[in-house]
Protein backbone atom coordinates (compact mmCIF):
# COMPACT_ATOMS: atom_id res chain seq x y z
CA MET A 1 78.12 122.38 107.95
CA TYR A 2 79.63 125.02 105.79
CA LEU A 3 82.93 126.27 104.34
CA GLY A 4 85.01 128.56 106.53
CA THR A 5 88.51 129.94 106.82
CA GLN A 6 90.98 131.28 109.36
CA LEU A 7 93.46 132.62 106.85
CA PRO A 8 94.38 136.14 108.04
CA ALA A 9 93.41 138.81 105.55
CA ARG A 10 96.33 140.98 104.41
CA ASN A 11 93.97 143.68 103.21
CA ASP A 12 90.33 144.31 102.29
CA ASP A 13 90.74 142.57 98.94
CA ASP A 14 91.53 139.31 100.68
CA TYR A 15 88.09 139.48 102.37
CA ARG A 16 86.50 140.17 99.00
CA VAL A 17 88.34 137.18 97.46
CA MET A 18 87.16 134.93 100.29
CA LYS A 19 83.59 135.82 99.49
CA GLN A 20 84.20 135.45 95.75
CA LEU A 21 85.53 131.94 96.37
CA GLY A 22 82.43 130.90 98.24
CA VAL A 23 83.62 131.40 101.79
CA ASP A 24 80.82 132.88 103.91
CA HIS A 25 82.11 132.28 107.45
CA ILE A 26 85.46 133.12 108.99
CA CYS A 27 87.54 133.00 112.15
CA ALA A 28 89.42 136.27 112.61
CA ASP A 29 90.72 138.55 115.34
CA PRO A 30 90.41 142.31 115.60
CA GLU A 31 93.50 144.47 115.86
CA GLY A 32 95.02 145.48 119.19
CA ASP A 33 95.63 143.91 122.59
CA TRP A 34 93.07 141.25 123.48
CA ARG A 35 92.50 142.95 126.79
CA ASP A 36 91.08 145.92 124.90
CA TRP A 37 88.53 143.80 123.02
CA ASP A 38 85.42 145.18 124.77
CA VAL A 39 81.91 144.74 123.41
CA ALA A 40 82.02 147.92 121.32
CA HIS A 41 85.40 146.98 119.76
CA LEU A 42 84.25 143.43 118.93
CA SER A 43 80.93 144.70 117.55
CA ARG A 44 82.67 147.13 115.24
CA PHE A 45 84.94 144.37 113.98
CA ARG A 46 82.01 142.01 113.40
CA GLU A 47 80.17 144.71 111.51
CA ARG A 48 83.20 145.41 109.38
CA ILE A 49 83.48 141.72 108.47
CA GLU A 50 79.78 141.69 107.64
CA GLY A 51 80.42 144.57 105.26
CA PHE A 52 82.19 142.05 102.98
CA GLY A 53 79.25 139.66 103.08
CA LEU A 54 81.03 137.43 105.60
CA THR A 55 79.99 136.09 109.02
CA LEU A 56 82.42 136.34 111.89
CA ASP A 57 81.95 132.86 113.35
CA MET A 58 84.90 132.57 115.75
CA LEU A 59 87.92 134.32 117.22
CA GLN A 60 91.10 133.12 118.98
CA LEU A 61 91.41 133.37 122.74
CA PRO A 62 94.85 134.54 123.95
CA LEU A 63 95.93 130.91 124.18
CA ALA A 64 97.68 130.15 120.90
CA SER A 65 99.77 127.28 119.59
CA VAL A 66 103.09 128.99 120.43
CA PRO A 67 105.61 127.77 123.02
CA VAL A 68 104.68 128.86 126.54
CA ASP A 69 107.59 131.28 126.82
CA ARG A 70 105.97 133.29 124.01
CA ALA A 71 102.39 132.92 125.28
CA LYS A 72 100.10 135.86 126.08
CA CYS A 73 98.72 134.09 129.17
CA PRO A 74 101.63 131.96 130.40
CA ASP A 75 100.47 131.78 134.02
CA ILE A 76 97.41 129.76 132.96
CA MET A 77 99.76 127.10 131.59
CA LEU A 78 102.39 127.40 134.36
CA ALA A 79 100.07 127.88 137.35
CA GLY A 80 101.81 131.20 137.88
CA PRO A 81 100.89 134.08 140.20
CA ASP A 82 98.60 135.79 137.65
CA ARG A 83 96.70 132.65 136.66
CA ASP A 84 93.36 133.76 138.14
CA GLY A 85 93.71 137.25 136.67
CA GLN A 86 94.42 135.87 133.22
CA ILE A 87 91.47 133.47 133.46
CA ASP A 88 89.24 136.34 134.64
CA GLY A 89 90.27 138.26 131.50
CA ILE A 90 89.40 135.31 129.25
CA CYS A 91 86.04 134.89 130.97
CA GLN A 92 85.32 138.57 130.33
CA LEU A 93 86.30 138.17 126.69
CA ILE A 94 83.95 135.21 126.31
CA GLU A 95 81.08 137.29 127.73
CA ASN A 96 82.07 140.17 125.41
CA CYS A 97 81.92 137.84 122.40
CA ALA A 98 78.40 136.80 123.35
CA ALA A 99 77.29 140.42 123.69
CA ALA A 100 78.93 141.30 120.35
CA GLY A 101 77.27 138.41 118.47
CA ILE A 102 80.32 136.19 117.96
CA PRO A 103 79.20 132.57 118.70
CA SER A 104 82.46 130.68 119.26
CA VAL A 105 86.11 130.90 120.32
CA LYS A 106 89.09 128.63 119.75
CA TYR A 107 92.16 128.10 121.95
CA ASN A 108 95.14 125.86 122.71
CA PHE A 109 96.66 124.45 125.91
CA ASN A 110 100.15 124.16 124.45
CA TYR A 111 103.57 124.14 126.15
CA ILE A 112 105.97 123.47 123.29
CA GLY A 113 104.31 124.95 120.20
CA ILE A 114 104.20 122.89 116.96
CA PRO A 115 107.47 120.96 116.63
CA ARG A 116 108.54 120.19 113.09
CA SER A 117 111.58 118.73 111.32
CA PRO A 118 112.91 120.45 108.15
CA LEU A 119 110.56 121.24 105.30
CA GLU A 120 110.15 118.58 102.69
CA ALA A 121 109.25 118.63 98.97
CA GLY A 122 105.63 117.84 98.21
CA ARG A 123 103.73 117.57 94.93
CA GLY A 124 105.45 119.58 92.20
CA GLY A 125 108.07 120.84 94.60
CA ALA A 126 105.73 122.52 97.04
CA ARG A 127 107.39 123.11 100.41
CA ALA A 128 105.59 121.13 103.12
CA GLU A 129 105.93 120.94 106.83
CA ALA A 130 106.95 117.54 108.23
CA PHE A 131 107.71 115.77 111.47
CA ARG A 132 110.25 112.98 111.48
CA TRP A 133 111.08 111.86 115.01
CA ASP A 134 114.40 110.45 113.93
CA LEU A 135 115.43 113.92 112.71
CA MET A 136 114.51 115.75 115.89
CA ASP A 137 116.80 116.68 118.76
CA GLN A 138 115.20 114.17 121.10
CA GLN A 139 116.93 115.60 124.16
CA GLU A 140 116.11 119.21 123.50
CA PRO A 141 114.84 120.98 126.66
CA GLY A 142 111.46 122.67 126.60
CA PRO A 143 110.51 126.17 127.58
CA ALA A 144 108.56 125.03 130.67
CA GLY A 145 111.08 122.57 132.08
CA GLU A 146 109.75 119.20 133.20
CA ILE A 147 106.06 118.99 134.16
CA ALA A 148 104.40 115.79 135.29
CA GLU A 149 101.51 114.55 133.17
CA GLN A 150 99.07 114.62 136.09
CA GLU A 151 100.01 118.18 136.82
CA ILE A 152 99.18 119.16 133.25
CA TRP A 153 95.73 117.56 133.66
CA SER A 154 95.28 119.37 136.94
CA ARG A 155 95.99 122.73 135.27
CA ILE A 156 93.57 121.89 132.42
CA ASP A 157 90.95 120.99 134.99
CA TYR A 158 91.47 124.25 136.87
CA PHE A 159 91.08 126.24 133.66
CA LEU A 160 87.98 124.39 132.46
CA ALA A 161 86.31 124.65 135.85
CA ARG A 162 86.45 128.41 135.48
CA ILE A 163 85.66 129.00 131.79
CA VAL A 164 83.11 126.29 130.91
CA PRO A 165 80.33 127.64 133.20
CA VAL A 166 80.90 131.15 131.87
CA ALA A 167 80.81 129.93 128.22
CA GLU A 168 77.70 127.86 128.89
CA ALA A 169 75.91 130.81 130.49
CA ALA A 170 76.87 132.97 127.49
CA ASN A 171 76.18 130.18 124.93
CA ILE A 172 79.66 130.47 123.44
CA ARG A 173 81.20 127.33 121.96
CA LEU A 174 84.76 126.50 123.22
CA ALA A 175 86.96 124.82 120.64
CA CYS A 176 90.31 123.47 121.94
CA HIS A 177 92.89 122.36 119.44
CA PRO A 178 94.56 118.99 120.07
CA HIS A 179 98.36 118.81 120.39
CA ASP A 180 100.12 119.00 117.04
CA PRO A 181 101.90 116.69 116.58
CA ALA A 182 101.84 113.74 118.91
CA THR A 183 105.28 113.32 120.49
CA PRO A 184 106.75 110.63 122.74
CA PRO A 185 105.99 111.17 126.45
CA GLY A 186 108.40 113.54 128.12
CA TYR A 187 109.62 115.24 124.92
CA LYS A 188 110.74 118.75 125.79
CA GLY A 189 109.78 118.06 129.38
CA VAL A 190 106.07 117.37 128.87
CA THR A 191 103.64 114.69 127.83
CA ARG A 192 101.28 116.03 125.21
CA VAL A 193 98.04 114.93 126.86
CA LEU A 194 95.90 116.09 123.92
CA GLY A 195 98.18 114.20 121.50
CA THR A 196 96.30 110.92 121.84
CA VAL A 197 92.72 109.88 121.10
CA GLU A 198 92.40 108.74 124.71
CA GLY A 199 93.54 112.12 125.92
CA MET A 200 91.05 113.92 123.72
CA LYS A 201 88.26 111.70 125.03
CA ARG A 202 89.28 112.40 128.59
CA PHE A 203 89.39 116.12 127.87
CA VAL A 204 85.87 116.37 126.45
CA SER A 205 84.50 114.35 129.34
CA MET A 206 85.79 116.92 131.89
CA HIS A 207 83.27 119.57 133.01
CA GLU A 208 80.68 118.19 130.61
CA SER A 209 78.83 120.86 128.74
CA PRO A 210 77.27 121.22 125.27
CA VAL A 211 79.58 124.19 124.61
CA HIS A 212 82.81 122.41 125.58
CA GLY A 213 84.61 120.56 122.84
CA LEU A 214 87.36 120.53 120.25
CA ASN A 215 88.70 122.51 117.35
CA PHE A 216 88.90 119.12 115.67
CA CYS A 217 91.93 119.00 113.37
CA ILE A 218 91.81 116.10 110.96
CA GLY A 219 95.52 116.32 110.18
CA THR A 220 96.47 116.39 113.88
CA LEU A 221 94.25 113.37 114.51
CA GLY A 222 96.06 111.46 111.76
CA GLU A 223 99.38 112.42 113.35
CA MET A 224 98.34 110.47 116.47
CA LEU A 225 97.66 107.20 114.69
CA ASP A 226 99.66 104.34 113.34
CA ASP A 227 96.79 103.63 110.95
CA VAL A 228 95.16 106.80 109.56
CA SER A 229 92.28 104.76 108.11
CA GLU A 230 90.82 105.07 111.62
CA VAL A 231 90.34 108.86 111.26
CA PRO A 232 86.73 108.82 109.94
CA GLU A 233 85.47 106.44 112.61
CA ILE A 234 87.21 108.42 115.41
CA THR A 235 85.70 111.57 113.93
CA ARG A 236 82.32 109.87 114.11
CA TRP A 237 82.84 109.09 117.85
CA PHE A 238 83.39 112.72 118.74
CA GLY A 239 80.64 113.91 116.37
CA GLU A 240 78.05 111.62 117.88
CA ARG A 241 78.71 113.23 121.29
CA GLY A 242 78.52 116.80 120.01
CA LYS A 243 82.17 117.52 120.86
CA ILE A 244 83.29 118.99 117.56
CA MET A 245 83.02 122.80 117.52
CA ASN A 246 85.11 123.48 114.41
CA ILE A 247 86.85 121.40 111.80
CA HIS A 248 90.43 121.96 110.55
CA PHE A 249 90.32 120.04 107.27
CA ARG A 250 93.96 119.05 106.62
CA ASN A 251 95.60 115.92 105.28
CA ILE A 252 98.96 114.21 105.80
CA ALA A 253 101.12 111.53 104.21
CA GLY A 254 102.31 109.18 106.92
CA GLY A 255 101.17 108.85 110.51
CA ARG A 256 102.37 108.85 114.09
CA TYR A 257 105.86 110.31 114.56
CA SER A 258 106.56 110.43 110.81
CA PHE A 259 104.48 112.48 108.35
CA ARG A 260 104.45 115.25 105.77
CA GLU A 261 101.62 117.70 105.38
CA THR A 262 99.79 117.63 102.07
CA LEU A 263 96.96 119.36 100.22
CA PRO A 264 93.69 117.64 101.09
CA ASP A 265 93.40 115.55 97.93
CA GLU A 266 96.81 113.92 98.03
CA GLY A 267 97.34 112.55 101.56
CA ASP A 268 96.63 109.25 103.21
CA ILE A 269 93.49 110.23 105.13
CA ASP A 270 90.16 109.49 103.45
CA MET A 271 88.82 113.06 103.50
CA PRO A 272 85.49 112.28 101.75
CA ALA A 273 84.81 109.67 104.49
CA VAL A 274 85.49 112.35 107.10
CA ILE A 275 82.80 114.54 105.55
CA ASP A 276 80.47 111.57 105.58
CA ALA A 277 81.11 111.06 109.33
CA LEU A 278 80.42 114.72 110.03
CA ARG A 279 77.24 114.71 107.95
CA ASP A 280 75.95 111.52 109.58
CA THR A 281 76.53 112.85 113.09
CA GLY A 282 74.83 116.19 112.47
CA TYR A 283 77.84 118.44 112.54
CA ARG A 284 76.72 122.00 111.73
CA TYR A 285 79.65 124.42 111.92
CA MET A 286 82.67 125.47 109.86
CA VAL A 287 84.93 123.17 107.82
CA MET A 288 88.09 125.13 107.09
CA PRO A 289 91.64 124.69 105.89
CA ASP A 290 94.12 124.79 108.72
CA HIS A 291 97.42 125.33 106.95
CA ALA A 292 98.72 124.06 103.66
CA PRO A 293 101.99 123.43 101.81
CA THR A 294 103.68 126.57 100.54
CA LEU A 295 103.29 126.91 96.78
CA SER A 296 105.36 128.81 94.25
CA GLY A 297 104.47 132.31 93.14
CA GLU A 298 103.56 135.63 94.71
CA ASN A 299 100.51 134.56 96.76
CA GLU A 300 101.53 131.07 97.77
CA ARG A 301 99.27 130.91 100.85
CA GLY A 302 96.26 132.45 99.16
CA VAL A 303 96.46 130.10 96.20
CA ALA A 304 96.89 127.04 98.39
CA PHE A 305 93.88 128.01 100.53
CA ALA A 306 91.85 128.73 97.37
CA PHE A 307 92.51 125.15 96.27
CA CYS A 308 91.43 123.94 99.70
CA TYR A 309 88.22 126.01 99.61
CA GLY A 310 87.30 124.47 96.26
CA TYR A 311 88.01 120.97 97.46
CA ILE A 312 85.97 121.42 100.63
CA ALA A 313 83.09 123.13 98.81
CA ALA A 314 82.93 120.30 96.25
CA LEU A 315 82.82 117.65 98.97
CA LEU A 316 80.16 119.50 100.92
CA GLN A 317 78.05 119.82 97.77
CA GLU A 318 78.59 116.23 96.66
CA ARG A 319 78.12 114.55 100.05
CA ARG A 320 75.37 116.67 101.55
CA GLY A 321 72.89 113.83 101.22
């Protein structure tokens, strides 16, 4: 396993800084509409990234963590009239990635985005995202109306049935992000089926393939649990089965329905034990910051991510065994 990042570069110097800080592998997207990302376009982008001494390890499919009313491919989520056309486009993009030498893609199956309560103060006054169920509008309608849980599973099954064989033939890893955060069933009209460990296990068992797995977010896993001490052992379960395709290395203070995001060294999850679980189960891909508290100063995100890079790099060096 190795240090990675998905922090978008603001300019070429950001790519240079990533390399200077020890990041060799990144997840990034080229400019333009995803439907224009043909093999030549992707190859040029990969070569540009390589010009900074970096490896383009992953890109984002047009299924992001935004609410479905802002999604690029809403009919996949809503079983709308252009569902098959949008899936066809994603299948073509997967094949284009393979031809362009990009080995993996990440995606979300998300209806309501990433709900959060107001920002809270973290260490030294850093501004941190939080989720406090008692502070949420618990009756707020969602952008998709009400959808039965089994219908959501059916739509996931339909999507996986189409893309997994294409990805397997192309040898492209598929990394799906769990639902961040876990919410009570029916919140905003949906049950977040990838917001529980049981749901994640069901997901990876569907359309079994060595390329079908999770963009495994440590912070999101902690957000599902009453006892975050279980995170390393649950990580081990998925790692033993080869279902972790990327790691989002993020910590929280708290747990299910009530937490604040933290920098990786200050939360309640035992992050060194997570690295041990990944090492012991043979995980061999990126370990990257996901997002981080907002710090003071001019480059608050860059500085926060730099801290995360150093923390991850130190753990990887110290626990490589």
